Amino acid sequence: MRDARTFLVVGGVVALVAALAVAATLAGGDDTANGSLPVSGVSDLSGRWLATPAGTTPAPVQAPVRLAFEDGRVSAETGCNTVGGPVSVQDSVLLTGPLVSTRMACEPALTEQERWVTAMLASNPRLEVSGPYLFVHWGDGEQWWLGLEREPEGKTATVPTS
């Protein structure tokens, strides 16, 4: 008798959890497990974004990295030079046209940072937005990711690098 009651209680809890999961899905819950949302277009990215210390990048962030999206273009401050070009978003994937760069000489660590920032932009990275944060995923099996925080309009934030 006791085993039958335990079975009914456990079965009831499992059924309740499953029903709540289905209800949340039907109610239009987040599209990703971590609460981030896909990016539907460049307008979702409008403004300036500053890289946060969080992420797994090919080399440590040595100087501030900023992305700015305006009028169908992206501009990236790489810590050394500025890289930019036309940009669009399709199915949460960033698509860039030809990227051009200024050509200042930089110390080796900043040159490496510029290399991976430019490669990230050119690689058709996957994007997610969660509140004021933008997450950029790229590389084989999305082995790299960079977190950025939206900068308030008219202000330039400084976030310590790792």
Protein backbone atom coordinates (compact mmCIF):
# COMPACT_ATOMS: atom_id res chain seq x y z
CA MET A 1 0.00 0.00 0.00
CA ARG A 2 2.82 2.38 0.90
CA ASP A 3 4.57 1.74 -2.45
CA ALA A 4 1.35 2.56 -4.31
CA ARG A 5 1.01 5.92 -2.51
CA THR A 6 4.66 6.78 -3.18
CA PHE A 7 4.15 5.91 -6.84
CA LEU A 8 1.06 8.15 -7.02
CA VAL A 9 2.77 11.11 -5.30
CA VAL A 10 5.90 10.87 -7.46
CA GLY A 11 3.80 10.40 -10.59
CA GLY A 12 1.68 13.43 -9.66
CA VAL A 13 4.76 15.62 -9.14
CA VAL A 14 6.25 14.52 -12.48
CA ALA A 15 2.96 15.23 -14.25
CA LEU A 16 2.72 18.68 -12.63
CA VAL A 17 6.28 19.62 -13.65
CA ALA A 18 5.64 18.43 -17.21
CA ALA A 19 2.38 20.41 -17.38
CA LEU A 20 4.11 23.57 -16.16
CA ALA A 21 6.89 23.15 -18.74
CA VAL A 22 4.34 22.77 -21.54
CA ALA A 23 2.38 25.80 -20.27
CA ALA A 24 5.55 27.94 -20.18
CA THR A 25 6.43 26.92 -23.72
CA LEU A 26 2.94 27.66 -25.02
CA ALA A 27 2.95 31.02 -23.21
CA GLY A 28 5.93 32.11 -25.27
CA GLY A 29 8.81 31.57 -22.89
CA ASP A 30 12.40 32.41 -23.79
CA ASP A 31 13.83 30.86 -26.92
CA THR A 32 16.98 29.66 -25.17
CA ALA A 33 17.59 27.77 -21.98
CA ASN A 34 19.59 30.56 -20.33
CA GLY A 35 16.94 33.26 -20.80
CA SER A 36 18.71 34.94 -23.70
CA LEU A 37 16.72 35.86 -26.76
CA PRO A 38 17.66 35.57 -30.41
CA VAL A 39 18.47 38.76 -32.32
CA SER A 40 15.87 39.46 -34.98
CA GLY A 41 17.64 42.31 -36.78
CA VAL A 42 20.32 44.99 -36.66
CA SER A 43 17.83 47.32 -34.95
CA ASP A 44 18.09 45.05 -31.86
CA LEU A 45 21.80 45.93 -31.74
CA SER A 46 21.55 49.69 -32.28
CA GLY A 47 23.99 51.65 -30.14
CA ARG A 48 27.35 50.97 -28.52
CA TRP A 49 28.43 47.82 -26.68
CA LEU A 50 31.45 47.41 -24.40
CA ALA A 51 33.09 44.02 -23.88
CA THR A 52 32.85 42.73 -20.33
CA PRO A 53 35.58 40.66 -18.68
CA ALA A 54 33.34 37.58 -19.08
CA GLY A 55 33.93 35.30 -22.02
CA THR A 56 36.22 32.75 -23.56
CA THR A 57 38.25 34.54 -26.20
CA PRO A 58 41.21 33.25 -28.22
CA ALA A 59 43.50 35.60 -26.24
CA PRO A 60 42.90 37.68 -23.11
CA VAL A 61 41.16 41.03 -23.52
CA GLN A 62 44.03 43.52 -23.10
CA ALA A 63 42.22 46.81 -23.84
CA PRO A 64 38.57 47.85 -24.17
CA VAL A 65 36.69 46.31 -27.10
CA ARG A 66 33.62 48.20 -28.30
CA LEU A 67 31.11 47.44 -31.03
CA ALA A 68 28.80 50.12 -32.41
CA PHE A 69 25.84 49.42 -34.70
CA GLU A 70 24.30 52.28 -36.65
CA ASP A 71 22.67 52.71 -40.07
CA GLY A 72 23.40 49.15 -41.22
CA ARG A 73 27.07 49.34 -40.29
CA VAL A 74 29.27 47.94 -37.54
CA SER A 75 32.31 49.68 -36.13
CA ALA A 76 34.67 47.88 -33.75
CA GLU A 77 37.27 49.46 -31.52
CA THR A 78 39.70 46.58 -31.20
CA GLY A 79 42.09 48.06 -28.65
CA CYS A 80 44.42 49.13 -31.45
CA ASN A 81 42.70 49.99 -34.72
CA THR A 82 39.09 50.51 -35.70
CA VAL A 83 37.43 47.95 -37.99
CA GLY A 84 34.11 48.50 -39.73
CA GLY A 85 31.79 47.63 -42.55
CA PRO A 86 28.23 46.86 -43.58
CA VAL A 87 26.26 44.52 -41.32
CA SER A 88 22.97 42.64 -41.21
CA VAL A 89 21.40 39.96 -39.03
CA GLN A 90 19.66 36.82 -40.26
CA ASP A 91 18.36 34.13 -37.88
CA SER A 92 20.45 35.57 -35.00
CA VAL A 93 23.61 35.40 -37.12
CA LEU A 94 25.72 38.52 -37.71
CA LEU A 95 26.60 38.93 -41.37
CA THR A 96 29.27 41.46 -42.30
CA GLY A 97 30.30 42.77 -45.67
CA PRO A 98 33.90 43.63 -46.45
CA LEU A 99 35.58 44.98 -43.33
CA VAL A 100 38.09 47.82 -43.52
CA SER A 101 40.56 48.83 -40.83
CA THR A 102 42.80 51.69 -39.84
CA ARG A 103 46.46 50.69 -39.99
CA MET A 104 48.27 51.82 -36.84
CA ALA A 105 51.10 49.70 -35.50
CA CYS A 106 50.32 48.16 -32.12
CA GLU A 107 52.11 46.17 -29.46
CA PRO A 108 51.87 42.39 -30.04
CA ALA A 109 49.11 41.70 -27.47
CA LEU A 110 46.87 44.37 -29.00
CA THR A 111 47.65 43.15 -32.52
CA GLU A 112 46.49 39.66 -31.44
CA GLN A 113 43.34 41.15 -29.89
CA GLU A 114 42.62 43.02 -33.11
CA ARG A 115 43.12 39.80 -35.09
CA TRP A 116 40.55 37.82 -33.08
CA VAL A 117 38.03 40.68 -32.92
CA THR A 118 38.19 41.04 -36.72
CA ALA A 119 37.98 37.25 -37.18
CA MET A 120 34.98 37.14 -34.82
CA LEU A 121 33.10 39.77 -36.85
CA ALA A 122 33.92 38.08 -40.16
CA SER A 123 32.98 34.56 -38.97
CA ASN A 124 29.17 34.99 -39.04
CA PRO A 125 28.88 34.67 -35.25
CA ARG A 126 25.65 33.69 -33.50
CA LEU A 127 24.10 36.39 -31.33
CA GLU A 128 21.91 36.41 -28.22
CA VAL A 129 20.60 39.32 -26.17
CA SER A 130 19.68 39.18 -22.49
CA GLY A 131 18.62 42.51 -21.03
CA PRO A 132 21.53 44.95 -21.49
CA TYR A 133 23.91 42.15 -22.54
CA LEU A 134 24.91 40.88 -25.97
CA PHE A 135 26.59 37.49 -26.33
CA VAL A 136 28.62 36.72 -29.46
CA HIS A 137 29.43 33.03 -30.12
CA TRP A 138 31.92 31.96 -32.78
CA GLY A 139 34.62 29.44 -33.71
CA ASP A 140 34.52 25.69 -34.24
CA GLY A 141 31.57 24.43 -32.21
CA GLU A 142 31.17 27.94 -30.80
CA GLN A 143 34.30 27.45 -28.71
CA TRP A 144 34.64 31.21 -28.19
CA TRP A 145 32.18 33.73 -26.80
CA LEU A 146 32.32 37.37 -25.84
CA GLY A 147 29.95 39.20 -23.53
CA LEU A 148 29.21 42.86 -24.15
CA GLU A 149 27.12 45.35 -22.21
CA ARG A 150 25.08 48.10 -23.85
CA GLU A 151 26.55 51.51 -23.08
CA PRO A 152 24.05 54.16 -22.02
CA GLU A 153 23.45 56.77 -24.69
CA GLY A 154 25.79 59.72 -24.35
CA LYS A 155 28.08 57.95 -21.87
CA THR A 156 31.26 56.00 -22.34
CA ALA A 157 31.59 53.29 -19.74
CA THR A 158 34.87 51.76 -18.72
CA VAL A 159 34.86 48.13 -17.70
CA PRO A 160 38.06 46.57 -16.40
CA THR A 161 39.54 43.95 -18.70
CA SER A 162 40.72 40.55 -17.54
